[in-house]
Amino acid sequence: MSIEIELKLQLSAKTAKKLANHPLLAELQPQKMHLLNTYYDTPKLDLHAQRIAVRFRKKGEQWLLTVKTAEPASGGLAVRNEWETPATPGNFDFSPVDADQIRQFLEAASTQFEPVFTTDFRRQIWHVPFGESLIELAVDRGSIESRGKSTPICEIELELRRGKVEDIFSLTRKLQEQHDLHPAIASKAERGYQLYLDAPLRPFKAKPAPVNDQMTPVAAFRSIALGCLEHFQRNEKGLHEGAEIEFVHQARVALRRLRSAIKLFAPVLPQEFVTAYSQTWQTLASALGEARNWDVFLAETLPPIQAAFPENRDIRTLRNEARRRAKAARRAIIRILAVAEYPRLLVEFTSAIYTLSDTLPMPLKDFADERMSSHARRAKKLATRHATLTVEDRHSMRISFKKLRYTLEFFAPLLPPKHLSPYLIALAQLQDELGLINDHVTAATLIKESLAKRPSGPIQGWVAGRHALLLEALPESLNDWLAQRPFWKK
């Protein structure tokens, strides 16, 4: 078995032609080859469900059988287990796979294997000495085909042949200085399955944090932060192409979780890392927040107002202005994602995460208990005086509950599910109520902005009344939460 450490980048066909002239490549002689690949799975796609890819590759006159397993990718970097051996097409011999569970799974499934998609591409390879490493840089151009459909391939793969993973990032940054290269997290196999399934673009939600009690706090942060970055990147295409407002919401949640994780783990992270990246994502987060405010207003706040005042002419003015603002906010997001600094930030940040060193190697459970207790105390302090909170204080309380929820979700694998689940349900209910209150505070501001030339007393009065009713109902939920004892305390 070999472990494949690979960084994937998207580029245009025009950039692909220019890349060979880069000073780091111009003096090197590239290898050129034509690769034909057929990927196999069962009719129920059992391999896909287990994140395993099996393919036959024709490389010149040679045939190879390859098995790959994948960890989630982020920032373009993927770490995969790989087994590759010369083979005869159609002869699925998995004896070289030295991971017993995977081999047995493949052997049992192989009787049902059928082709699901093919890839056909031309590859140029440079072996680049860089820093203390040897890096294989491959440019692939071709297509993926399945069920009569096709999608193009135009990408770079940088694979660490020997040396240090940070050299892959350093080489990438050098290339990005002259070329537009964007980190990509979808492998050819993943894209092939999407084509086979004819799957529509869907919003991507956060996955459970893959942490365990054998990790150090820094290792746990690395895992959590990379998961947050993947969460954002998986929704990035939808920000460009999708009309579904959930893409904006999920991208915003991803950045909120990422920024919360940096603050949560700040005591064990290098100060220069915290200083550099605490505010890095602020501009993009603010643009997503603006878009989300208008999306919520259009989808959730405005319909009941319209139902209450069906004949009010200001409703149309509000709707038109809200749609205009929502579109403008979406365009602002796309402009931010289009600047050259954004893909460079993805590479730089991923590199910084991978190269973090342990500054305080303490047991993760001890660290988690302390941080959960700290966030719970902060939330409790505000909740106990909820009756006297200002609008700004109530907003701070909502954020403190959100941070507590994120913290519990991050450390969920360390916690007993029977206690965590009801606690999170209660917390989510409380967050929903606080979110509705905040939506109406935001709505009052948006209505005032949209109807600046002719204020509408009835509409503004309705929003104020709904806000007051929601505030009246809040103490019951807060008191229910305050009655709970933090279950993680011994």
Protein backbone atom coordinates (compact mmCIF):
# COMPACT_ATOMS: atom_id res chain seq x y z
CA MET A 1 0.00 0.00 0.00
CA SER A 2 1.13 3.54 -0.69
CA ILE A 3 -0.30 6.75 0.73
CA GLU A 4 -1.03 9.30 -1.96
CA ILE A 5 -0.72 12.94 -0.87
CA GLU A 6 -2.07 15.03 -3.70
CA LEU A 7 -3.18 18.60 -4.27
CA LYS A 8 -5.63 19.19 -7.11
CA LEU A 9 -6.12 22.51 -8.91
CA GLN A 10 -8.56 23.61 -11.59
CA LEU A 11 -7.35 25.76 -14.48
CA SER A 12 -8.56 26.94 -17.86
CA ALA A 13 -7.43 25.34 -21.11
CA LYS A 14 -5.63 28.59 -21.96
CA THR A 15 -3.70 28.50 -18.67
CA ALA A 16 -2.88 24.81 -19.17
CA LYS A 17 -1.11 25.68 -22.44
CA LYS A 18 0.94 28.42 -20.76
CA LEU A 19 1.98 26.42 -17.70
CA ALA A 20 4.91 24.66 -19.39
CA ASN A 21 6.63 28.04 -19.77
CA HIS A 22 6.73 28.67 -16.03
CA PRO A 23 10.37 29.12 -14.86
CA LEU A 24 10.09 26.10 -12.55
CA LEU A 25 9.05 23.85 -15.45
CA ALA A 26 10.61 25.37 -18.56
CA GLU A 27 13.96 23.57 -18.16
CA LEU A 28 12.38 20.20 -17.36
CA GLN A 29 11.40 17.62 -19.96
CA PRO A 30 7.80 16.47 -19.45
CA GLN A 31 6.57 12.94 -19.94
CA LYS A 32 3.46 12.62 -22.09
CA MET A 33 0.93 9.82 -21.99
CA HIS A 34 -2.63 8.92 -22.91
CA LEU A 35 -4.64 7.35 -20.06
CA LEU A 36 -7.89 5.42 -20.49
CA ASN A 37 -9.70 4.40 -17.30
CA THR A 38 -12.84 2.43 -16.56
CA TYR A 39 -14.32 2.61 -13.06
CA TYR A 40 -16.39 -0.24 -11.65
CA ASP A 41 -19.00 -0.58 -8.93
CA THR A 42 -21.99 -2.71 -7.99
CA PRO A 43 -25.51 -1.86 -9.24
CA LYS A 44 -26.21 -0.35 -5.80
CA LEU A 45 -22.92 1.61 -5.84
CA ASP A 46 -21.63 -0.07 -2.68
CA LEU A 47 -18.06 1.10 -3.37
CA HIS A 48 -19.16 4.69 -3.79
CA ALA A 49 -20.94 4.51 -0.44
CA GLN A 50 -17.67 3.41 1.21
CA ARG A 51 -15.57 6.08 -0.60
CA ILE A 52 -13.63 3.38 -2.48
CA ALA A 53 -12.73 3.60 -6.17
CA VAL A 54 -11.76 0.62 -8.35
CA ARG A 55 -10.53 1.14 -11.89
CA PHE A 56 -8.70 -0.50 -14.77
CA ARG A 57 -6.23 1.87 -16.41
CA LYS A 58 -4.66 1.49 -19.85
CA LYS A 59 -1.26 3.19 -19.77
CA GLY A 60 0.42 2.69 -23.12
CA GLU A 61 0.36 -1.07 -23.66
CA GLN A 62 0.11 -1.81 -19.93
CA TRP A 63 -3.06 -2.42 -17.90
CA LEU A 64 -3.20 -1.56 -14.20
CA LEU A 65 -5.79 -2.36 -11.51
CA THR A 66 -6.05 0.44 -8.96
CA VAL A 67 -7.88 0.65 -5.64
CA LYS A 68 -8.14 3.98 -3.83
CA THR A 69 -9.76 5.01 -0.58
CA ALA A 70 -10.28 8.64 0.24
CA GLU A 71 -10.44 10.95 3.20
CA PRO A 72 -12.47 14.15 2.73
CA ALA A 73 -10.44 16.73 0.82
CA SER A 74 -10.18 20.43 1.59
CA GLY A 75 -8.15 23.27 0.18
CA GLY A 76 -7.46 20.98 -2.78
CA LEU A 77 -5.38 18.52 -0.72
CA ALA A 78 -6.40 14.87 -0.48
CA VAL A 79 -4.72 12.00 1.37
CA ARG A 80 -5.58 8.57 -0.04
CA ASN A 81 -4.57 4.97 0.44
CA GLU A 82 -3.73 3.44 -2.93
CA TRP A 83 -2.98 -0.05 -4.25
CA GLU A 84 -1.92 -0.42 -7.88
CA THR A 85 -0.72 -3.54 -9.68
CA PRO A 86 -0.37 -4.83 -13.29
CA ALA A 87 -3.51 -6.72 -14.26
CA THR A 88 -5.59 -8.23 -17.02
CA PRO A 89 -8.79 -6.30 -17.82
CA GLY A 90 -11.78 -7.95 -16.17
CA ASN A 91 -9.65 -9.95 -13.70
CA PHE A 92 -10.31 -8.39 -10.31
CA ASP A 93 -7.43 -9.73 -8.22
CA PHE A 94 -7.41 -7.87 -4.91
CA SER A 95 -4.72 -9.99 -3.21
CA PRO A 96 -2.26 -7.01 -3.21
CA VAL A 97 -4.67 -5.05 -1.00
CA ASP A 98 -3.09 -5.51 2.43
CA ALA A 99 -5.98 -3.98 4.39
CA ASP A 100 -8.01 -7.08 5.26
CA GLN A 101 -11.38 -5.41 5.73
CA ILE A 102 -11.16 -3.53 2.42
CA ARG A 103 -9.89 -6.58 0.52
CA GLN A 104 -12.67 -8.82 1.85
CA PHE A 105 -15.28 -6.18 1.02
CA LEU A 106 -13.97 -5.86 -2.56
CA GLU A 107 -13.75 -9.61 -3.11
CA ALA A 108 -17.34 -10.07 -1.97
CA ALA A 109 -18.58 -7.20 -4.16
CA SER A 110 -16.55 -8.04 -7.29
CA THR A 111 -19.02 -10.63 -8.59
CA GLN A 112 -21.48 -7.77 -9.16
CA PHE A 113 -19.06 -5.27 -10.69
CA GLU A 114 -20.10 -3.37 -13.80
CA PRO A 115 -18.66 -0.28 -15.53
CA VAL A 116 -20.09 2.99 -14.27
CA PHE A 117 -18.00 5.63 -16.07
CA THR A 118 -14.78 6.15 -18.00
CA THR A 119 -12.11 8.84 -18.09
CA ASP A 120 -10.05 9.59 -21.17
CA PHE A 121 -7.31 12.21 -20.91
CA ARG A 122 -3.85 13.28 -22.01
CA ARG A 123 -1.34 13.77 -19.22
CA GLN A 124 1.87 15.78 -19.09
CA ILE A 125 4.14 15.05 -16.12
CA TRP A 126 7.03 17.06 -14.72
CA HIS A 127 9.13 15.78 -11.81
CA VAL A 128 9.94 18.98 -9.98
CA PRO A 129 12.71 19.20 -7.35
CA PHE A 130 11.42 21.80 -4.90
CA GLY A 131 12.65 22.62 -1.40
CA GLU A 132 13.46 19.32 0.28
CA SER A 133 11.03 17.36 -1.89
CA LEU A 134 10.40 15.79 -5.26
CA ILE A 135 6.93 16.66 -6.52
CA GLU A 136 5.17 15.13 -9.49
CA LEU A 137 3.19 17.79 -11.34
CA ALA A 138 0.66 16.41 -13.80
CA VAL A 139 -1.59 18.38 -16.15
CA ASP A 140 -4.62 16.36 -17.28
CA ARG A 141 -6.87 17.36 -20.19
CA GLY A 142 -9.70 15.22 -21.48
CA SER A 143 -13.16 14.10 -20.43
CA ILE A 144 -15.28 11.92 -18.15
CA GLU A 145 -18.07 9.94 -19.83
CA SER A 146 -21.07 8.03 -18.48
CA ARG A 147 -24.43 7.03 -19.92
CA GLY A 148 -23.96 9.13 -23.04
CA LYS A 149 -23.01 12.27 -21.10
CA SER A 150 -19.59 13.86 -20.72
CA THR A 151 -17.85 16.57 -18.70
CA PRO A 152 -14.41 18.05 -19.35
CA ILE A 153 -11.20 17.47 -17.40
CA CYS A 154 -8.67 20.29 -17.14
CA GLU A 155 -6.72 20.11 -13.91
CA ILE A 156 -3.34 19.92 -12.23
CA GLU A 157 -2.38 17.27 -9.72
CA LEU A 158 0.67 17.81 -7.53
CA GLU A 159 1.71 14.59 -5.83
CA LEU A 160 4.39 14.31 -3.16
CA ARG A 161 6.83 11.64 -4.30
CA ARG A 162 9.18 12.24 -1.40
CA GLY A 163 9.80 14.99 1.12
CA LYS A 164 7.54 17.36 3.05
CA VAL A 165 3.89 18.12 2.44
CA GLU A 166 4.49 21.86 2.98
CA ASP A 167 6.62 21.89 -0.18
CA ILE A 168 3.52 21.02 -2.24
CA PHE A 169 1.83 24.14 -0.90
CA SER A 170 4.93 26.28 -1.47
CA LEU A 171 5.21 25.10 -5.07
CA THR A 172 1.51 25.77 -5.60
CA ARG A 173 1.85 29.32 -4.31
CA LYS A 174 4.75 29.89 -6.71
CA LEU A 175 2.61 28.70 -9.61
CA GLN A 176 -0.32 30.85 -8.46
CA GLU A 177 1.84 33.97 -8.70
CA GLN A 178 1.66 33.72 -12.50
CA HIS A 179 -1.40 31.56 -13.17
CA ASP A 180 -5.04 31.37 -12.13
CA LEU A 181 -5.16 28.04 -10.27
CA HIS A 182 -8.09 27.18 -8.02
CA PRO A 183 -8.02 24.38 -5.41
CA ALA A 184 -10.46 21.59 -6.29
CA ILE A 185 -11.75 18.94 -3.89
CA ALA A 186 -13.72 16.68 -6.23
CA SER A 187 -11.65 13.79 -7.61
CA LYS A 188 -12.21 12.42 -11.10
CA ALA A 189 -13.97 9.46 -9.48
CA GLU A 190 -16.33 11.73 -7.55
CA ARG A 191 -17.12 13.71 -10.68
CA GLY A 192 -17.67 10.46 -12.57
CA TYR A 193 -20.24 9.29 -10.04
CA GLN A 194 -22.00 12.67 -10.21
CA LEU A 195 -22.25 12.25 -13.97
CA TYR A 196 -23.44 8.64 -13.67
CA LEU A 197 -26.12 9.59 -11.16
CA ASP A 198 -27.02 12.75 -13.09
CA ALA A 199 -27.09 14.32 -9.64
CA PRO A 200 -28.26 17.94 -9.40
CA LEU A 201 -26.13 20.42 -7.52
CA ARG A 202 -27.27 20.35 -3.89
CA PRO A 203 -26.32 22.36 -0.80
CA PHE A 204 -23.77 20.55 1.34
CA LYS A 205 -24.23 20.41 5.12
CA ALA A 206 -21.54 20.04 7.76
CA LYS A 207 -20.39 16.52 8.50
CA PRO A 208 -19.75 15.24 12.04
CA ALA A 209 -16.30 16.25 13.26
CA PRO A 210 -13.93 13.24 12.96
CA VAL A 211 -12.19 13.65 16.33
CA ASN A 212 -11.33 11.07 18.97
CA ASP A 213 -9.93 11.08 22.48
CA GLN A 214 -6.49 9.94 21.26
CA MET A 215 -5.95 13.24 19.47
CA THR A 216 -4.18 16.25 20.87
CA PRO A 217 -6.17 19.50 20.83
CA VAL A 218 -4.16 20.77 17.84
CA ALA A 219 -4.79 17.56 15.89
CA ALA A 220 -8.50 17.88 16.69
CA PHE A 221 -8.48 21.48 15.49
CA ARG A 222 -6.79 20.44 12.26
CA SER A 223 -9.49 17.85 11.61
CA ILE A 224 -12.32 20.26 12.49
CA ALA A 225 -10.91 23.19 10.50
CA LEU A 226 -10.37 21.08 7.39
CA GLY A 227 -13.95 19.83 7.72
CA CYS A 228 -15.21 23.42 7.89
CA LEU A 229 -13.16 24.33 4.83
CA GLU A 230 -14.58 21.36 2.93
CA HIS A 231 -18.09 22.42 4.03
CA PHE A 232 -17.51 25.83 2.46
CA GLN A 233 -15.85 24.59 -0.72
CA ARG A 234 -18.61 22.05 -1.36
CA ASN A 235 -21.09 24.95 -1.52
CA GLU A 236 -18.88 27.26 -3.55
CA LYS A 237 -20.14 26.11 -6.95
CA GLY A 238 -23.71 26.68 -5.78
CA LEU A 239 -22.86 30.28 -4.89
CA HIS A 240 -21.89 30.79 -8.55
CA GLU A 241 -24.56 28.70 -10.25
CA GLY A 242 -27.37 27.79 -7.87
CA ALA A 243 -30.52 29.81 -7.31
CA GLU A 244 -31.19 27.82 -4.12
CA ILE A 245 -30.70 30.16 -1.14
CA GLU A 246 -29.51 27.25 1.01
CA PHE A 247 -26.08 27.47 -0.69
CA VAL A 248 -25.59 30.92 0.84
CA HIS A 249 -26.80 29.68 4.20
CA GLN A 250 -24.51 26.65 4.26
CA ALA A 251 -21.49 28.64 3.06
CA ARG A 252 -22.15 31.17 5.81
CA VAL A 253 -22.52 28.43 8.43
CA ALA A 254 -19.24 26.89 7.26
CA LEU A 255 -17.33 30.14 7.79
CA ARG A 256 -19.04 30.72 11.14
CA ARG A 257 -18.02 27.26 12.29
CA LEU A 258 -14.48 27.81 11.03
CA ARG A 259 -14.09 31.15 12.79
CA SER A 260 -15.64 29.69 15.95
CA ALA A 261 -13.16 26.80 15.82
CA ILE A 262 -10.21 29.19 15.58
CA LYS A 263 -11.44 31.09 18.65
CA LEU A 264 -12.31 27.87 20.48
CA PHE A 265 -8.83 26.39 20.03
CA ALA A 266 -6.94 29.69 20.32
CA PRO A 267 -5.38 28.76 23.71
CA VAL A 268 -3.48 25.85 22.09
CA LEU A 269 -2.75 27.40 18.69
CA PRO A 270 0.32 29.49 17.81
CA GLN A 271 -0.47 33.14 18.42
CA GLU A 272 0.67 34.12 14.93
CA PHE A 273 -1.83 31.66 13.42
CA VAL A 274 -4.72 33.02 15.50
CA THR A 275 -3.75 36.62 14.72
CA ALA A 276 -3.40 35.92 11.00
CA TYR A 277 -6.63 33.98 10.48
CA SER A 278 -9.13 35.22 13.07
CA GLN A 279 -10.25 38.04 10.77
CA THR A 280 -9.13 36.65 7.40
CA TRP A 281 -12.59 35.45 6.42
CA GLN A 282 -14.46 38.55 7.66
CA THR A 283 -15.06 40.22 4.28
CA LEU A 284 -16.51 37.07 2.75
CA ALA A 285 -18.51 36.30 5.90
CA SER A 286 -20.03 39.80 5.87
CA ALA A 287 -21.06 39.46 2.22
CA LEU A 288 -22.68 36.11 2.95
CA GLY A 289 -24.44 37.62 5.96
CA GLU A 290 -25.88 40.45 3.85
CA ALA A 291 -27.18 37.99 1.26
CA ARG A 292 -28.61 35.72 3.93
CA ASN A 293 -30.48 38.61 5.59
CA TRP A 294 -32.29 39.45 2.35
CA ASP A 295 -32.92 35.79 1.54
CA VAL A 296 -34.58 35.24 4.94
CA PHE A 297 -36.59 38.43 4.58
CA LEU A 298 -37.94 37.35 1.18
CA ALA A 299 -38.56 33.70 2.01
CA GLU A 300 -39.69 33.81 5.64
CA THR A 301 -40.47 37.30 6.94
CA LEU A 302 -42.26 38.96 4.04
CA PRO A 303 -44.91 36.25 3.27
CA PRO A 304 -46.75 36.59 6.63
CA ILE A 305 -46.58 40.39 6.31
CA GLN A 306 -48.18 40.10 2.87
CA ALA A 307 -50.84 37.78 4.29
CA ALA A 308 -51.63 40.35 6.99
CA PHE A 309 -51.78 43.27 4.52
CA PRO A 310 -52.82 41.82 1.13
CA GLU A 311 -53.94 45.20 -0.24
CA ASN A 312 -50.97 47.24 0.98
CA ARG A 313 -49.11 48.68 -2.01
CA ASP A 314 -45.88 48.91 -0.04
CA ILE A 315 -45.58 45.11 -0.12
CA ARG A 316 -44.67 45.17 -3.80
CA THR A 317 -42.12 47.93 -3.17
CA LEU A 318 -40.62 45.89 -0.35
CA ARG A 319 -40.46 42.71 -2.43
CA ASN A 320 -38.87 44.42 -5.42
CA GLU A 321 -36.30 46.21 -3.29
CA ALA A 322 -35.51 43.05 -1.34
CA ARG A 323 -35.00 41.09 -4.56
CA ARG A 324 -32.73 43.81 -5.90
CA ARG A 325 -30.68 43.84 -2.69
CA ALA A 326 -30.50 40.04 -2.59
CA LYS A 327 -29.18 39.89 -6.16
CA ALA A 328 -26.67 42.64 -5.43
CA ALA A 329 -25.48 40.77 -2.34
CA ARG A 330 -25.05 37.56 -4.37
CA ARG A 331 -23.03 39.47 -6.97
CA ALA A 332 -20.82 40.85 -4.19
CA ILE A 333 -20.08 37.29 -3.02
CA ILE A 334 -19.16 36.19 -6.54
CA ARG A 335 -16.85 39.20 -6.94
CA ILE A 336 -14.99 38.25 -3.77
CA LEU A 337 -14.64 34.63 -4.90
CA ALA A 338 -13.38 35.81 -8.31
CA VAL A 339 -10.35 37.77 -7.06
CA ALA A 340 -6.94 36.10 -7.35
CA GLU A 341 -6.39 36.35 -3.61
CA TYR A 342 -9.22 33.91 -2.82
CA PRO A 343 -7.73 30.67 -4.27
CA ARG A 344 -4.36 31.74 -2.86
CA LEU A 345 -5.96 32.09 0.56
CA LEU A 346 -7.38 28.56 0.31
CA VAL A 347 -3.91 27.16 -0.39
CA GLU A 348 -2.20 29.30 2.24
CA PHE A 349 -4.75 28.49 4.94
CA THR A 350 -4.75 24.76 4.20
CA SER A 351 -0.95 24.79 4.35
CA ALA A 352 -1.02 26.63 7.68
CA ILE A 353 -3.44 24.05 9.12
CA TYR A 354 -1.40 21.06 7.96
CA THR A 355 1.86 22.45 9.31
CA LEU A 356 0.60 23.40 12.78
CA SER A 357 2.69 22.01 15.61
CA ASP A 358 1.47 21.11 19.09
CA THR A 359 2.01 23.98 21.50
CA LEU A 360 0.22 22.38 24.46
CA PRO A 361 -0.10 18.57 24.16
CA MET A 362 -2.81 18.02 26.78
CA PRO A 363 -5.57 15.36 26.75
CA LEU A 364 -8.30 16.40 24.34
CA LYS A 365 -11.09 15.46 26.76
CA ASP A 366 -9.70 17.81 29.42
CA PHE A 367 -9.42 20.62 26.90
CA ALA A 368 -12.93 19.95 25.59
CA ASP A 369 -14.47 19.94 29.08
CA GLU A 370 -12.87 23.28 29.90
CA ARG A 371 -13.96 24.91 26.65
CA MET A 372 -17.54 23.57 26.82
CA SER A 373 -17.83 24.82 30.40
CA SER A 374 -16.45 28.22 29.45
CA HIS A 375 -19.01 28.69 26.66
CA ALA A 376 -21.84 27.40 28.86
CA ARG A 377 -20.91 29.89 31.60
CA ARG A 378 -20.93 32.75 29.11
CA ALA A 379 -24.36 31.76 27.78
CA LYS A 380 -25.73 31.24 31.30
CA LYS A 381 -24.50 34.64 32.47
CA LEU A 382 -26.51 36.36 29.74
CA ALA A 383 -29.53 34.06 30.00
CA THR A 384 -30.00 34.66 33.74
CA ARG A 385 -30.54 38.38 33.13
CA HIS A 386 -32.47 38.08 29.88
CA ALA A 387 -35.24 40.36 31.11
CA THR A 388 -32.89 43.36 31.24
CA LEU A 389 -30.86 42.71 28.10
CA THR A 390 -30.54 45.38 25.43
CA VAL A 391 -30.97 44.49 21.75
CA GLU A 392 -27.17 44.31 21.46
CA ASP A 393 -26.90 42.09 24.56
CA ARG A 394 -29.61 39.79 23.23
CA HIS A 395 -27.65 39.47 19.99
CA SER A 396 -24.56 38.57 22.05
CA MET A 397 -26.60 35.94 23.90
CA ARG A 398 -27.75 34.42 20.60
CA ILE A 399 -24.14 34.24 19.40
CA SER A 400 -23.01 32.70 22.69
CA PHE A 401 -25.60 29.92 22.35
CA LYS A 402 -24.54 29.37 18.75
CA LYS A 403 -20.89 29.05 19.82
CA LEU A 404 -21.87 26.62 22.57
CA ARG A 405 -23.75 24.50 20.05
CA TYR A 406 -20.81 24.49 17.62
CA THR A 407 -18.48 23.54 20.47
CA LEU A 408 -20.66 20.60 21.47
CA GLU A 409 -20.94 19.47 17.85
CA PHE A 410 -17.17 19.66 17.39
CA PHE A 411 -16.57 17.50 20.47
CA ALA A 412 -19.60 15.23 19.94
CA PRO A 413 -17.52 12.04 19.38
CA LEU A 414 -16.14 12.48 22.92
CA LEU A 415 -19.57 12.81 24.54
CA PRO A 416 -22.26 10.25 25.49
CA PRO A 417 -25.00 10.42 22.82
CA LYS A 418 -27.81 9.76 25.30
CA HIS A 419 -26.96 13.02 27.11
CA LEU A 420 -25.73 15.03 24.14
CA SER A 421 -28.75 14.49 21.90
CA PRO A 422 -31.47 15.97 24.17
CA TYR A 423 -29.15 18.80 25.19
CA LEU A 424 -28.52 19.73 21.55
CA ILE A 425 -32.23 19.49 20.73
CA ALA A 426 -33.05 21.94 23.54
CA LEU A 427 -30.22 24.20 22.43
CA ALA A 428 -31.39 24.11 18.80
CA GLN A 429 -34.94 25.03 19.87
CA LEU A 430 -33.62 27.96 21.87
CA GLN A 431 -31.45 29.04 18.94
CA ASP A 432 -34.45 28.92 16.61
CA GLU A 433 -36.41 31.23 18.90
CA LEU A 434 -33.50 33.64 19.27
CA GLY A 435 -32.98 33.49 15.51
CA LEU A 436 -36.61 34.46 14.86
CA ILE A 437 -36.28 37.38 17.25
CA ASN A 438 -33.13 38.50 15.48
CA ASP A 439 -34.82 38.09 12.07
CA HIS A 440 -37.50 40.56 13.13
CA VAL A 441 -34.92 43.02 14.44
CA THR A 442 -33.17 42.73 11.09
CA ALA A 443 -36.49 42.99 9.22
CA ALA A 444 -37.31 46.27 10.95
CA THR A 445 -34.01 47.69 9.72
CA LEU A 446 -34.45 46.34 6.19
CA ILE A 447 -38.01 47.71 5.96
CA LYS A 448 -36.84 51.10 7.16
CA GLU A 449 -34.11 51.12 4.49
CA SER A 450 -36.42 49.89 1.73
CA LEU A 451 -39.26 52.32 2.51
CA ALA A 452 -37.06 55.27 3.44
CA LYS A 453 -38.99 57.67 1.21
CA ARG A 454 -42.42 56.71 2.56
CA PRO A 455 -42.46 54.85 5.89
CA SER A 456 -45.29 52.33 6.29
CA GLY A 457 -46.70 52.48 9.81
CA PRO A 458 -48.90 49.36 9.57
CA ILE A 459 -46.10 47.12 8.30
CA GLN A 460 -43.54 48.42 10.78
CA GLY A 461 -46.11 48.10 13.56
CA TRP A 462 -46.82 44.48 12.58
CA VAL A 463 -43.12 43.60 12.71
CA ALA A 464 -42.74 45.32 16.09
CA GLY A 465 -45.76 43.42 17.42
CA ARG A 466 -44.41 40.05 16.25
CA HIS A 467 -41.08 40.91 17.83
CA ALA A 468 -42.79 41.68 21.15
CA LEU A 469 -44.72 38.39 21.09
CA LEU A 470 -41.55 36.41 20.44
CA LEU A 471 -39.82 38.17 23.34
CA GLU A 472 -42.72 37.28 25.64
CA ALA A 473 -42.35 33.57 24.80
CA LEU A 474 -38.57 33.49 25.20
CA PRO A 475 -38.25 33.24 29.04
CA GLU A 476 -39.87 29.80 29.13
CA SER A 477 -37.27 28.31 26.77
CA LEU A 478 -34.43 30.09 28.54
CA ASN A 479 -35.56 28.81 31.92
CA ASP A 480 -35.84 25.26 30.56
CA TRP A 481 -32.25 25.48 29.39
CA LEU A 482 -31.04 27.09 32.62
CA ALA A 483 -32.54 24.18 34.57
CA GLN A 484 -30.25 21.73 32.79
CA ARG A 485 -26.96 20.72 34.33
CA PRO A 486 -23.94 20.59 32.00
CA PHE A 487 -23.79 16.81 31.47
CA TRP A 488 -20.08 16.74 30.59
CA LYS A 489 -19.04 17.81 34.09
CA LYS A 490 -17.98 15.00 36.40
